[in-house]
C-alpha atoms as a PDB file:
ATOM      1  CA  MET A   1     119.409  67.868 112.590  1.00  0.00           C
ATOM      2  CA  GLN A   2     121.757  68.260 115.554  1.00  0.00           C
ATOM      3  CA  GLU A   3     120.536  70.193 118.591  1.00  0.00           C
ATOM      4  CA  ARG A   4     122.355  72.341 121.132  1.00  0.00           C
ATOM      5  CA  ARG A   5     121.563  73.684 124.582  1.00  0.00           C
ATOM      6  CA  PHE A   6     120.362  77.290 124.519  1.00  0.00           C
ATOM      7  CA  GLY A   7     122.332  78.710 127.427  1.00  0.00           C
ATOM      8  CA  ARG A   8     120.816  79.004 130.885  1.00  0.00           C
ATOM      9  CA  LEU A   9     117.302  78.750 129.414  1.00  0.00           C
ATOM     10  CA  GLY A  10     118.089  75.089 128.784  1.00  0.00           C
ATOM     11  CA  TRP A  11     116.125  74.683 125.555  1.00  0.00           C
ATOM     12  CA  ARG A  12     117.262  72.123 123.000  1.00  0.00           C
ATOM     13  CA  VAL A  13     117.306  74.054 119.736  1.00  0.00           C
ATOM     14  CA  SER A  14     118.290  73.111 116.201  1.00  0.00           C
ATOM     15  CA  GLU A  15     121.874  74.228 115.638  1.00  0.00           C
ATOM     16  CA  VAL A  16     120.750  75.679 112.318  1.00  0.00           C
ATOM     17  CA  GLY A  17     117.736  77.909 112.831  1.00  0.00           C
ATOM     18  CA  TYR A  18     115.791  80.159 110.467  1.00  0.00           C
ATOM     19  CA  GLY A  19     116.489  83.867 110.005  1.00  0.00           C
ATOM     20  CA  MET A  20     113.304  85.559 108.803  1.00  0.00           C
ATOM     21  CA  TRP A  21     114.415  89.057 107.798  1.00  0.00           C
ATOM     22  CA  GLY A  22     114.532  88.218 104.110  1.00  0.00           C
ATOM     23  CA  LEU A  23     110.930  86.986 104.164  1.00  0.00           C
ATOM     24  CA  ALA A  24     109.600  90.488 104.710  1.00  0.00           C
ATOM     25  CA  GLY A  25     112.401  93.033 104.441  1.00  0.00           C
ATOM     26  CA  TRP A  26     113.986  92.239 101.080  1.00  0.00           C
ATOM     27  CA  THR A  27     112.717  92.358  97.508  1.00  0.00           C
ATOM     28  CA  GLY A  28     111.847  89.305  95.440  1.00  0.00           C
ATOM     29  CA  ASN A  29     109.621  87.460  97.901  1.00  0.00           C
ATOM     30  CA  ASP A  30     106.996  84.958  96.814  1.00  0.00           C
ATOM     31  CA  ASP A  31     104.409  83.927  99.415  1.00  0.00           C
ATOM     32  CA  GLN A  32     104.033  80.367  98.131  1.00  0.00           C
ATOM     33  CA  GLU A  33     107.789  79.917  98.017  1.00  0.00           C
ATOM     34  CA  THR A  34     108.112  81.329 101.541  1.00  0.00           C
ATOM     35  CA  THR A  35     105.507  78.916 102.891  1.00  0.00           C
ATOM     36  CA  ALA A  36     107.135  75.951 101.162  1.00  0.00           C
ATOM     37  CA  ALA A  37     110.569  76.872 102.535  1.00  0.00           C
ATOM     38  CA  LEU A  38     109.273  77.245 106.089  1.00  0.00           C
ATOM     39  CA  GLU A  39     107.372  73.968 105.895  1.00  0.00           C
ATOM     40  CA  ARG A  40     110.448  72.150 104.613  1.00  0.00           C
ATOM     41  CA  SER A  41     112.536  73.534 107.468  1.00  0.00           C
ATOM     42  CA  VAL A  42     110.113  72.152 110.049  1.00  0.00           C
ATOM     43  CA  ALA A  43     110.057  68.777 108.298  1.00  0.00           C
ATOM     44  CA  LEU A  44     113.856  68.652 108.470  1.00  0.00           C
ATOM     45  CA  GLY A  45     113.948  69.397 112.212  1.00  0.00           C
ATOM     46  CA  CYS A  46     114.441  73.161 112.416  1.00  0.00           C
ATOM     47  CA  ASN A  47     112.803  74.416 115.606  1.00  0.00           C
ATOM     48  CA  PHE A  48     114.273  77.911 116.156  1.00  0.00           C
ATOM     49  CA  PHE A  49     112.892  80.892 114.239  1.00  0.00           C
ATOM     50  CA  ASP A  50     114.201  84.443 114.539  1.00  0.00           C
ATOM     51  CA  THR A  51     112.066  87.377 113.438  1.00  0.00           C
ATOM     52  CA  ALA A  52     111.466  91.005 114.457  1.00  0.00           C
ATOM     53  CA  TRP A  53     108.736  93.622 114.373  1.00  0.00           C
ATOM     54  CA  GLY A  54     111.079  95.642 112.181  1.00  0.00           C
ATOM     55  CA  TYR A  55     110.976  93.012 109.433  1.00  0.00           C
ATOM     56  CA  GLY A  56     108.135  94.464 107.410  1.00  0.00           C
ATOM     57  CA  GLU A  57     106.490  96.227 110.388  1.00  0.00           C
ATOM     58  CA  GLY A  58     105.246  92.944 111.805  1.00  0.00           C
ATOM     59  CA  ARG A  59     104.785  91.057 108.536  1.00  0.00           C
ATOM     60  CA  SER A  60     107.547  88.553 109.273  1.00  0.00           C
ATOM     61  CA  GLU A  61     106.072  87.968 112.729  1.00  0.00           C
ATOM     62  CA  ARG A  62     102.661  87.275 111.214  1.00  0.00           C
ATOM     63  CA  ILE A  63     104.212  84.805 108.753  1.00  0.00           C
ATOM     64  CA  LEU A  64     105.780  82.997 111.693  1.00  0.00           C
ATOM     65  CA  GLY A  65     102.484  83.114 113.577  1.00  0.00           C
ATOM     66  CA  ASP A  66     100.806  81.271 110.709  1.00  0.00           C
ATOM     67  CA  LEU A  67     103.542  78.626 110.803  1.00  0.00           C
ATOM     68  CA  LEU A  68     103.033  78.161 114.538  1.00  0.00           C
ATOM     69  CA  LYS A  69      99.297  77.610 114.005  1.00  0.00           C
ATOM     70  CA  ARG A  70      99.957  74.992 111.355  1.00  0.00           C
ATOM     71  CA  HIS A  71     102.309  73.131 113.699  1.00  0.00           C
ATOM     72  CA  SER A  72     100.730  73.617 117.091  1.00  0.00           C
ATOM     73  CA  GLU A  73     101.728  70.055 118.007  1.00  0.00           C
ATOM     74  CA  LYS A  74     105.451  70.834 117.696  1.00  0.00           C
ATOM     75  CA  ARG A  75     107.720  72.793 120.038  1.00  0.00           C
ATOM     76  CA  LEU A  76     108.955  75.606 117.847  1.00  0.00           C
ATOM     77  CA  TYR A  77     110.991  78.324 119.579  1.00  0.00           C
ATOM     78  CA  VAL A  78     110.165  81.928 118.718  1.00  0.00           C
ATOM     79  CA  ALA A  79     112.647  84.794 118.932  1.00  0.00           C
ATOM     80  CA  THR A  80     111.648  88.332 117.965  1.00  0.00           C
ATOM     81  CA  LYS A  81     112.918  91.854 118.551  1.00  0.00           C
ATOM     82  CA  ILE A  82     111.742  95.246 119.769  1.00  0.00           C
ATOM     83  CA  PRO A  83     112.564  98.076 117.345  1.00  0.00           C
ATOM     84  CA  PRO A  84     114.261 101.167 118.795  1.00  0.00           C
ATOM     85  CA  LYS A  85     111.739 103.911 119.429  1.00  0.00           C
ATOM     86  CA  ASN A  86     113.577 106.271 117.068  1.00  0.00           C
ATOM     87  CA  PHE A  87     113.637 103.526 114.381  1.00  0.00           C
ATOM     88  CA  GLN A  88     117.331 104.058 113.732  1.00  0.00           C
ATOM     89  CA  TRP A  89     119.496 101.014 112.982  1.00  0.00           C
ATOM     90  CA  PRO A  90     122.070 100.728 114.410  1.00  0.00           C
ATOM     91  CA  SER A  91     122.136 102.851 117.537  1.00  0.00           C
ATOM     92  CA  ARG A  92     124.992 105.326 117.848  1.00  0.00           C
ATOM     93  CA  ARG A  93     127.171 106.413 120.745  1.00  0.00           C
ATOM     94  CA  GLY A  94     125.365 109.052 122.731  1.00  0.00           C
ATOM     95  CA  MET A  95     121.846 107.816 122.021  1.00  0.00           C
ATOM     96  CA  THR A  96     119.873 107.518 125.230  1.00  0.00           C
ATOM     97  CA  LEU A  97     117.639 104.762 126.532  1.00  0.00           C
ATOM     98  CA  ASP A  98     114.727 107.195 126.287  1.00  0.00           C
ATOM     99  CA  GLU A  99     115.381 107.583 122.565  1.00  0.00           C
ATOM    100  CA  CYS A 100     115.495 103.833 121.967  1.00  0.00           C
ATOM    101  CA  PHE A 101     113.942 101.688 124.704  1.00  0.00           C
ATOM    102  CA  PRO A 102     111.940 103.559 127.342  1.00  0.00           C
ATOM    103  CA  PRO A 103     109.903 101.132 129.490  1.00  0.00           C
ATOM    104  CA  ASP A 104     106.526 101.891 127.893  1.00  0.00           C
ATOM    105  CA  HIS A 105     107.999 101.261 124.433  1.00  0.00           C
ATOM    106  CA  ILE A 106     109.446  97.899 125.504  1.00  0.00           C
ATOM    107  CA  ARG A 107     106.037  96.823 126.751  1.00  0.00           C
ATOM    108  CA  GLU A 108     104.097  98.278 123.802  1.00  0.00           C
ATOM    109  CA  TYR A 109     106.131  96.399 121.195  1.00  0.00           C
ATOM    110  CA  THR A 110     106.188  93.206 123.199  1.00  0.00           C
ATOM    111  CA  GLU A 111     102.389  93.324 123.143  1.00  0.00           C
ATOM    112  CA  LYS A 112     102.395  94.074 119.394  1.00  0.00           C
ATOM    113  CA  SER A 113     104.632  91.050 118.800  1.00  0.00           C
ATOM    114  CA  LEU A 114     102.437  88.806 120.935  1.00  0.00           C
ATOM    115  CA  THR A 115      99.477  89.792 118.754  1.00  0.00           C
ATOM    116  CA  ASN A 116     101.348  89.338 115.471  1.00  0.00           C
ATOM    117  CA  LEU A 117     102.698  85.945 116.517  1.00  0.00           C
ATOM    118  CA  GLY A 118      99.390  84.781 117.972  1.00  0.00           C
ATOM    119  CA  VAL A 119     101.024  83.505 121.170  1.00  0.00           C
ATOM    120  CA  SER A 120     100.559  84.204 124.851  1.00  0.00           C
ATOM    121  CA  THR A 121     104.289  84.063 125.620  1.00  0.00           C
ATOM    122  CA  ILE A 122     107.343  84.976 123.532  1.00  0.00           C
ATOM    123  CA  ASP A 123     110.205  82.547 124.037  1.00  0.00           C
ATOM    124  CA  LEU A 124     112.927  85.124 123.416  1.00  0.00           C
ATOM    125  CA  GLN A 125     112.343  88.855 123.170  1.00  0.00           C
ATOM    126  CA  GLN A 126     115.377  90.886 122.070  1.00  0.00           C
ATOM    127  CA  PHE A 127     116.495  94.493 121.900  1.00  0.00           C
ATOM    128  CA  HIS A 128     117.116  95.125 118.190  1.00  0.00           C
ATOM    129  CA  VAL A 129     119.974  97.590 118.820  1.00  0.00           C
ATOM    130  CA  TRP A 130     122.037  98.210 121.923  1.00  0.00           C
ATOM    131  CA  GLU A 131     124.460 100.507 123.717  1.00  0.00           C
ATOM    132  CA  ASP A 132     126.395  99.124 126.664  1.00  0.00           C
ATOM    133  CA  ALA A 133     126.168 102.545 128.323  1.00  0.00           C
ATOM    134  CA  TRP A 134     122.573 101.600 129.206  1.00  0.00           C
ATOM    135  CA  ALA A 135     123.668  98.545 131.208  1.00  0.00           C
ATOM    136  CA  ASP A 136     123.013  99.954 134.664  1.00  0.00           C
ATOM    137  CA  ASP A 137     119.771 101.789 133.897  1.00  0.00           C
ATOM    138  CA  ASP A 138     117.254 100.231 136.297  1.00  0.00           C
ATOM    139  CA  ARG A 139     114.301 101.074 134.051  1.00  0.00           C
ATOM    140  CA  TRP A 140     114.925  98.486 131.344  1.00  0.00           C
ATOM    141  CA  LEU A 141     116.052  95.973 133.945  1.00  0.00           C
ATOM    142  CA  ARG A 142     112.783  96.334 135.872  1.00  0.00           C
ATOM    143  CA  THR A 143     110.735  96.121 132.676  1.00  0.00           C
ATOM    144  CA  VAL A 144     112.500  92.908 131.627  1.00  0.00           C
ATOM    145  CA  GLU A 145     111.869  91.437 135.082  1.00  0.00           C
ATOM    146  CA  ASP A 146     108.203  92.465 134.962  1.00  0.00           C
ATOM    147  CA  LEU A 147     107.593  90.924 131.528  1.00  0.00           C
ATOM    148  CA  LYS A 148     109.194  87.663 132.635  1.00  0.00           C
ATOM    149  CA  ARG A 149     107.263  87.592 135.904  1.00  0.00           C
ATOM    150  CA  GLU A 150     103.981  88.221 134.077  1.00  0.00           C
ATOM    151  CA  GLY A 151     104.688  85.281 131.785  1.00  0.00           C
ATOM    152  CA  LEU A 152     104.714  87.398 128.612  1.00  0.00           C
ATOM    153  CA  VAL A 153     108.365  86.601 127.887  1.00  0.00           C
ATOM    154  CA  ARG A 154     110.488  83.574 128.827  1.00  0.00           C
ATOM    155  CA  GLY A 155     113.905  85.002 128.056  1.00  0.00           C
ATOM    156  CA  PHE A 156     115.456  88.311 126.989  1.00  0.00           C
ATOM    157  CA  GLY A 157     118.271  88.941 124.562  1.00  0.00           C
ATOM    158  CA  VAL A 158     120.311  91.625 122.848  1.00  0.00           C
ATOM    159  CA  SER A 159     121.037  91.816 119.125  1.00  0.00           C
ATOM    160  CA  VAL A 160     124.455  93.473 118.994  1.00  0.00           C
ATOM    161  CA  ASN A 161     125.136  96.209 116.450  1.00  0.00           C
ATOM    162  CA  ARG A 162     127.196  95.194 113.417  1.00  0.00           C
ATOM    163  CA  TRP A 163     130.941  94.831 114.133  1.00  0.00           C
ATOM    164  CA  GLU A 164     130.491  95.797 117.798  1.00  0.00           C
ATOM    165  CA  PRO A 165     130.719  92.481 119.684  1.00  0.00           C
ATOM    166  CA  THR A 166     132.040  94.131 122.842  1.00  0.00           C
ATOM    167  CA  ASN A 167     129.176  96.653 123.018  1.00  0.00           C
ATOM    168  CA  VAL A 168     127.241  94.363 125.357  1.00  0.00           C
ATOM    169  CA  LEU A 169     129.780  93.065 127.884  1.00  0.00           C
ATOM    170  CA  ARG A 170     128.673  95.232 130.833  1.00  0.00           C
ATOM    171  CA  THR A 171     125.070  94.388 130.053  1.00  0.00           C
ATOM    172  CA  LEU A 172     125.725  90.635 130.174  1.00  0.00           C
ATOM    173  CA  ARG A 173     127.246  91.049 133.631  1.00  0.00           C
ATOM    174  CA  THR A 174     123.846  92.218 134.929  1.00  0.00           C
ATOM    175  CA  ASP A 175     122.650  88.612 134.375  1.00  0.00           C
ATOM    176  CA  ALA A 176     119.363  90.007 133.038  1.00  0.00           C
ATOM    177  CA  ILE A 177     120.185  88.922 129.471  1.00  0.00           C
ATOM    178  CA  ASP A 178     119.774  85.268 128.483  1.00  0.00           C
ATOM    179  CA  ALA A 179     120.985  85.405 124.875  1.00  0.00           C
ATOM    180  CA  VAL A 180     123.121  87.542 122.614  1.00  0.00           C
ATOM    181  CA  GLN A 181     122.774  87.706 118.846  1.00  0.00           C
ATOM    182  CA  VAL A 182     125.967  88.644 117.045  1.00  0.00           C
ATOM    183  CA  ILE A 183     127.491  88.600 113.566  1.00  0.00           C
ATOM    184  CA  TYR A 184     129.910  85.672 113.455  1.00  0.00           C
ATOM    185  CA  ASN A 185     131.330  84.062 110.333  1.00  0.00           C
ATOM    186  CA  ILE A 186     134.620  83.264 108.572  1.00  0.00           C
ATOM    187  CA  PHE A 187     135.350  86.970 108.182  1.00  0.00           C
ATOM    188  CA  ASP A 188     133.860  88.229 111.459  1.00  0.00           C
ATOM    189  CA  GLN A 189     135.745  86.231 114.081  1.00  0.00           C
ATOM    190  CA  ALA A 190     136.074  89.040 116.658  1.00  0.00           C
ATOM    191  CA  PRO A 191     133.322  87.668 118.967  1.00  0.00           C
ATOM    192  CA  GLU A 192     135.762  84.915 119.922  1.00  0.00           C
ATOM    193  CA  ASP A 193     138.030  87.435 121.674  1.00  0.00           C
ATOM    194  CA  GLU A 194     135.896  88.752 124.561  1.00  0.00           C
ATOM    195  CA  LEU A 195     132.220  88.071 123.922  1.00  0.00           C
ATOM    196  CA  PHE A 196     132.265  84.277 123.691  1.00  0.00           C
ATOM    197  CA  PRO A 197     134.360  83.758 126.854  1.00  0.00           C
ATOM    198  CA  LEU A 198     131.917  85.930 128.835  1.00  0.00           C
ATOM    199  CA  CYS A 199     128.928  84.076 127.367  1.00  0.00           C
ATOM    200  CA  ARG A 200     130.453  80.791 128.504  1.00  0.00           C
ATOM    201  CA  GLU A 201     131.095  82.227 131.964  1.00  0.00           C
ATOM    202  CA  ARG A 202     127.531  83.574 132.333  1.00  0.00           C
ATOM    203  CA  ASP A 203     125.847  80.698 130.474  1.00  0.00           C
ATOM    204  CA  VAL A 204     124.400  83.097 127.894  1.00  0.00           C
ATOM    205  CA  ALA A 205     123.155  81.581 124.636  1.00  0.00           C
ATOM    206  CA  VAL A 206     124.759  82.766 121.388  1.00  0.00           C
ATOM    207  CA  ILE A 207     122.794  83.246 118.164  1.00  0.00           C
ATOM    208  CA  ALA A 208     125.160  83.581 115.200  1.00  0.00           C
ATOM    209  CA  ARG A 209     123.661  85.813 112.547  1.00  0.00           C
ATOM    210  CA  VAL A 210     124.808  86.851 109.047  1.00  0.00           C
ATOM    211  CA  PRO A 211     126.697  83.570 108.447  1.00  0.00           C
ATOM    212  CA  PHE A 212     127.171  84.438 104.767  1.00  0.00           C
ATOM    213  CA  ASP A 213     128.201  88.087 105.321  1.00  0.00           C
ATOM    214  CA  GLU A 214     124.970  89.309 103.666  1.00  0.00           C
ATOM    215  CA  GLY A 215     125.765  87.182 100.608  1.00  0.00           C
ATOM    216  CA  THR A 216     129.526  87.578 100.223  1.00  0.00           C
ATOM    217  CA  LEU A 217     130.184  84.080 101.564  1.00  0.00           C
ATOM    218  CA  THR A 218     127.811  82.495  99.073  1.00  0.00           C
ATOM    219  CA  GLY A 219     130.510  83.195  96.476  1.00  0.00           C
ATOM    220  CA  THR A 220     127.918  84.485  94.019  1.00  0.00           C
ATOM    221  CA  LEU A 221     128.524  88.249  94.169  1.00  0.00           C
ATOM    222  CA  THR A 222     130.488  90.178  91.557  1.00  0.00           C
ATOM    223  CA  ARG A 223     131.541  93.817  91.348  1.00  0.00           C
ATOM    224  CA  GLU A 224     128.596  94.323  88.987  1.00  0.00           C
ATOM    225  CA  THR A 225     125.942  92.782  91.244  1.00  0.00           C
ATOM    226  CA  LYS A 226     122.852  94.990  91.591  1.00  0.00           C
ATOM    227  CA  TRP A 227     119.590  94.596  93.457  1.00  0.00           C
ATOM    228  CA  PRO A 228     116.136  96.031  92.707  1.00  0.00           C
ATOM    229  CA  GLU A 229     115.370  99.552  93.823  1.00  0.00           C
ATOM    230  CA  GLY A 230     114.387  99.607  97.483  1.00  0.00           C
ATOM    231  CA  ASP A 231     116.354  96.500  98.388  1.00  0.00           C
ATOM    232  CA  TRP A 232     118.381  97.000 101.587  1.00  0.00           C
ATOM    233  CA  ARG A 233     121.470  95.390 100.058  1.00  0.00           C
ATOM    234  CA  ASN A 234     121.978  98.363  97.747  1.00  0.00           C
ATOM    235  CA  THR A 235     122.663 100.536 100.790  1.00  0.00           C
ATOM    236  CA  TYR A 236     125.026  97.994 102.370  1.00  0.00           C
ATOM    237  CA  PHE A 237     126.995  96.897  99.325  1.00  0.00           C
ATOM    238  CA  VAL A 238     128.147 100.352  98.332  1.00  0.00           C
ATOM    239  CA  PRO A 239     130.946 100.177  95.702  1.00  0.00           C
ATOM    240  CA  GLU A 240     133.670 100.354  98.359  1.00  0.00           C
ATOM    241  CA  ASN A 241     132.217  97.447 100.307  1.00  0.00           C
ATOM    242  CA  LEU A 242     131.164  95.334  97.322  1.00  0.00           C
ATOM    243  CA  SER A 243     134.622  95.387  95.722  1.00  0.00           C
ATOM    244  CA  ARG A 244     136.430  94.494  98.921  1.00  0.00           C
ATOM    245  CA  SER A 245     133.895  91.789  99.747  1.00  0.00           C
ATOM    246  CA  VAL A 246     134.198  90.149  96.338  1.00  0.00           C
ATOM    247  CA  ASP A 247     137.999  90.193  96.643  1.00  0.00           C
ATOM    248  CA  ARG A 248     137.758  88.480 100.032  1.00  0.00           C
ATOM    249  CA  ALA A 249     135.426  85.804  98.724  1.00  0.00           C
ATOM    250  CA  GLU A 250     137.677  85.120  95.753  1.00  0.00           C
ATOM    251  CA  ALA A 251     140.682  84.724  98.055  1.00  0.00           C
ATOM    252  CA  LEU A 252     138.718  82.176 100.068  1.00  0.00           C
ATOM    253  CA  ARG A 253     137.491  80.158  97.089  1.00  0.00           C
ATOM    254  CA  PRO A 254     140.600  77.914  96.719  1.00  0.00           C
ATOM    255  CA  LEU A 255     139.996  76.570 100.247  1.00  0.00           C
ATOM    256  CA  VAL A 256     136.509  75.214  99.492  1.00  0.00           C
ATOM    257  CA  PRO A 257     136.873  71.393  99.520  1.00  0.00           C
ATOM    258  CA  ALA A 258     135.807  69.373  96.514  1.00  0.00           C
ATOM    259  CA  GLY A 259     132.142  68.474  96.749  1.00  0.00           C
ATOM    260  CA  MET A 260     131.387  71.351  99.133  1.00  0.00           C
ATOM    261  CA  THR A 261     129.944  74.791  98.402  1.00  0.00           C
ATOM    262  CA  MET A 262     131.166  78.028  99.933  1.00  0.00           C
ATOM    263  CA  PRO A 263     127.914  78.481 101.917  1.00  0.00           C
ATOM    264  CA  GLU A 264     128.303  74.992 103.382  1.00  0.00           C
ATOM    265  CA  LEU A 265     131.896  75.774 104.333  1.00  0.00           C
ATOM    266  CA  ALA A 266     130.735  79.016 105.955  1.00  0.00           C
ATOM    267  CA  LEU A 267     128.150  77.190 108.072  1.00  0.00           C
ATOM    268  CA  ARG A 268     130.539  74.401 109.049  1.00  0.00           C
ATOM    269  CA  PHE A 269     133.095  76.966 110.207  1.00  0.00           C
ATOM    270  CA  ILE A 270     130.543  78.442 112.615  1.00  0.00           C
ATOM    271  CA  LEU A 271     129.412  75.018 113.820  1.00  0.00           C
ATOM    272  CA  GLN A 272     132.986  74.303 114.910  1.00  0.00           C
ATOM    273  CA  GLU A 273     132.469  76.840 117.722  1.00  0.00           C
ATOM    274  CA  PRO A 274     130.752  75.168 120.713  1.00  0.00           C
ATOM    275  CA  THR A 275     129.758  78.526 122.238  1.00  0.00           C
ATOM    276  CA  VAL A 276     127.284  79.063 119.389  1.00  0.00           C
ATOM    277  CA  SER A 277     123.811  77.777 120.265  1.00  0.00           C
ATOM    278  CA  THR A 278     122.273  78.231 116.826  1.00  0.00           C
ATOM    279  CA  ILE A 279     122.929  79.875 113.448  1.00  0.00           C
ATOM    280  CA  ILE A 280     120.161  81.790 111.682  1.00  0.00           C
ATOM    281  CA  PRO A 281     120.796  81.948 107.926  1.00  0.00           C
ATOM    282  CA  GLY A 282     118.164  83.656 105.836  1.00  0.00           C
ATOM    283  CA  MET A 283     116.368  81.159 103.605  1.00  0.00           C
ATOM    284  CA  ARG A 284     113.713  81.955 101.020  1.00  0.00           C
ATOM    285  CA  LYS A 285     113.837  78.865  98.802  1.00  0.00           C
ATOM    286  CA  VAL A 286     113.386  75.172  99.553  1.00  0.00           C
ATOM    287  CA  ARG A 287     116.763  74.335  98.021  1.00  0.00           C
ATOM    288  CA  ASN A 288     118.479  76.776 100.372  1.00  0.00           C
ATOM    289  CA  VAL A 289     116.671  75.266 103.368  1.00  0.00           C
ATOM    290  CA  GLU A 290     117.778  71.784 102.379  1.00  0.00           C
ATOM    291  CA  ALA A 291     121.372  72.841 101.742  1.00  0.00           C
ATOM    292  CA  ASN A 292     121.745  74.903 104.927  1.00  0.00           C
ATOM    293  CA  LEU A 293     120.086  72.432 107.269  1.00  0.00           C
ATOM    294  CA  GLY A 294     122.132  69.683 105.659  1.00  0.00           C
ATOM    295  CA  ALA A 295     125.269  71.186 107.216  1.00  0.00           C
ATOM    296  CA  SER A 296     123.985  70.013 110.605  1.00  0.00           C
ATOM    297  CA  ASP A 297     125.277  66.450 110.457  1.00  0.00           C
ATOM    298  CA  GLY A 298     127.916  66.433 113.193  1.00  0.00           C
ATOM    299  CA  ARG A 299     130.876  66.299 110.808  1.00  0.00           C
ATOM    300  CA  ARG A 300     133.835  68.537 111.646  1.00  0.00           C
ATOM    301  CA  LEU A 301     136.193  70.344 109.329  1.00  0.00           C
ATOM    302  CA  PRO A 302     139.805  69.116 109.300  1.00  0.00           C
ATOM    303  CA  ASP A 303     142.055  71.043 111.697  1.00  0.00           C
ATOM    304  CA  ASP A 304     144.390  72.144 108.913  1.00  0.00           C
ATOM    305  CA  LEU A 305     141.488  73.623 106.921  1.00  0.00           C
ATOM    306  CA  LEU A 306     140.144  75.376 110.007  1.00  0.00           C
ATOM    307  CA  ALA A 307     143.589  76.892 110.607  1.00  0.00           C
ATOM    308  CA  GLU A 308     143.612  78.256 107.060  1.00  0.00           C
ATOM    309  CA  LEU A 309     140.118  79.699 107.424  1.00  0.00           C
ATOM    310  CA  ARG A 310     141.186  81.580 110.538  1.00  0.00           C
ATOM    311  CA  LYS A 311     143.660  83.514 108.407  1.00  0.00           C
ATOM    312  CA  HIS A 312     140.688  85.080 106.584  1.00  0.00           C
ATOM    313  CA  ARG A 313     139.569  87.038 109.635  1.00  0.00           C
ATOM    314  CA  TRP A 314     138.516  90.541 108.567  1.00  0.00           C
ATOM    315  CA  ASP A 315     138.289  93.071 111.378  1.00  0.00           C
ATOM    316  CA  ARG A 316     136.024  95.963 110.439  1.00  0.00           C
ATOM    317  CA  THR A 317     134.681  99.011 112.211  1.00  0.00           C
ATOM    318  CA  PRO A 318     131.200 100.553 111.822  1.00  0.00           C
ATOM    319  CA  THR A 319     130.721 103.049 109.007  1.00  0.00           C
ATOM    320  CA  SER A 320     127.854 105.105 107.609  1.00  0.00           C
ATOM    321  CA  TRP A 321     126.753 102.144 105.458  1.00  0.00           C
ATOM    322  CA  SER A 322     127.193  99.316 107.976  1.00  0.00           C
ATOM    323  CA  GLN A 323     123.659  99.461 109.408  1.00  0.00           C
END
């Protein structure tokens, strides 16, 4: 497992981390399988785990807390997130800080996460939605400073709303934010335009999420794909989105090198970008852990292949289903 520096915080983190939404927020989970997958990730050198209170109302955090107890001798980095007070994902233009992150709410959910995780300090606490219009509001800035000073949080981050990589630029210029989590993959290349240059300038860590475009870049979806009732993916892959996504994946398929899978290609594309500190694919099975972490071997994609992949950029704007 290769490691990278995590921005100004200076941590050495595995360049492939572990996204834990699917362990508590999606259907089809098996507790034994979850435990085995997490254990295998630690054995293979994964040391960065991203969760949130919103993933099963603390369930994912508690799963991570159990992992931390089992490996108290290892330095495993914990990132979690504060849900917006109105529990609406994503935030929308015009929503106020009072609706989403008033100071008492920031503190309340930080304390809830500390309890769920069973730790005295959270390595990285993040806002789970964000509006750049809040950048200059002293209330959240003071609360972030207080939590750091009290030793409850080491670093603070923002998880940027889907397809809105510039909706955090003013906030990063406050220098109160140590990390930004953003969707970045073969299709979603827009963070390279403005966000990544500013992160390099301010030494802000970048967490690349949704590396497989919620499953599109696994190459396994069809226009007939369905998920069990209650599964979040049914609300995201509405017919309009599913058809277009499948078409995009099929257009990409001829570029997958012999002996490589589409998910591996997707991860290697992201690892080409030095601004990225870590990627957090969701992994619920041991075989997925082994395959995803196996992409961290230091090998680069050929320049001609990378140039072809860049042609598959897909610029999208938020819609009613893009939560």
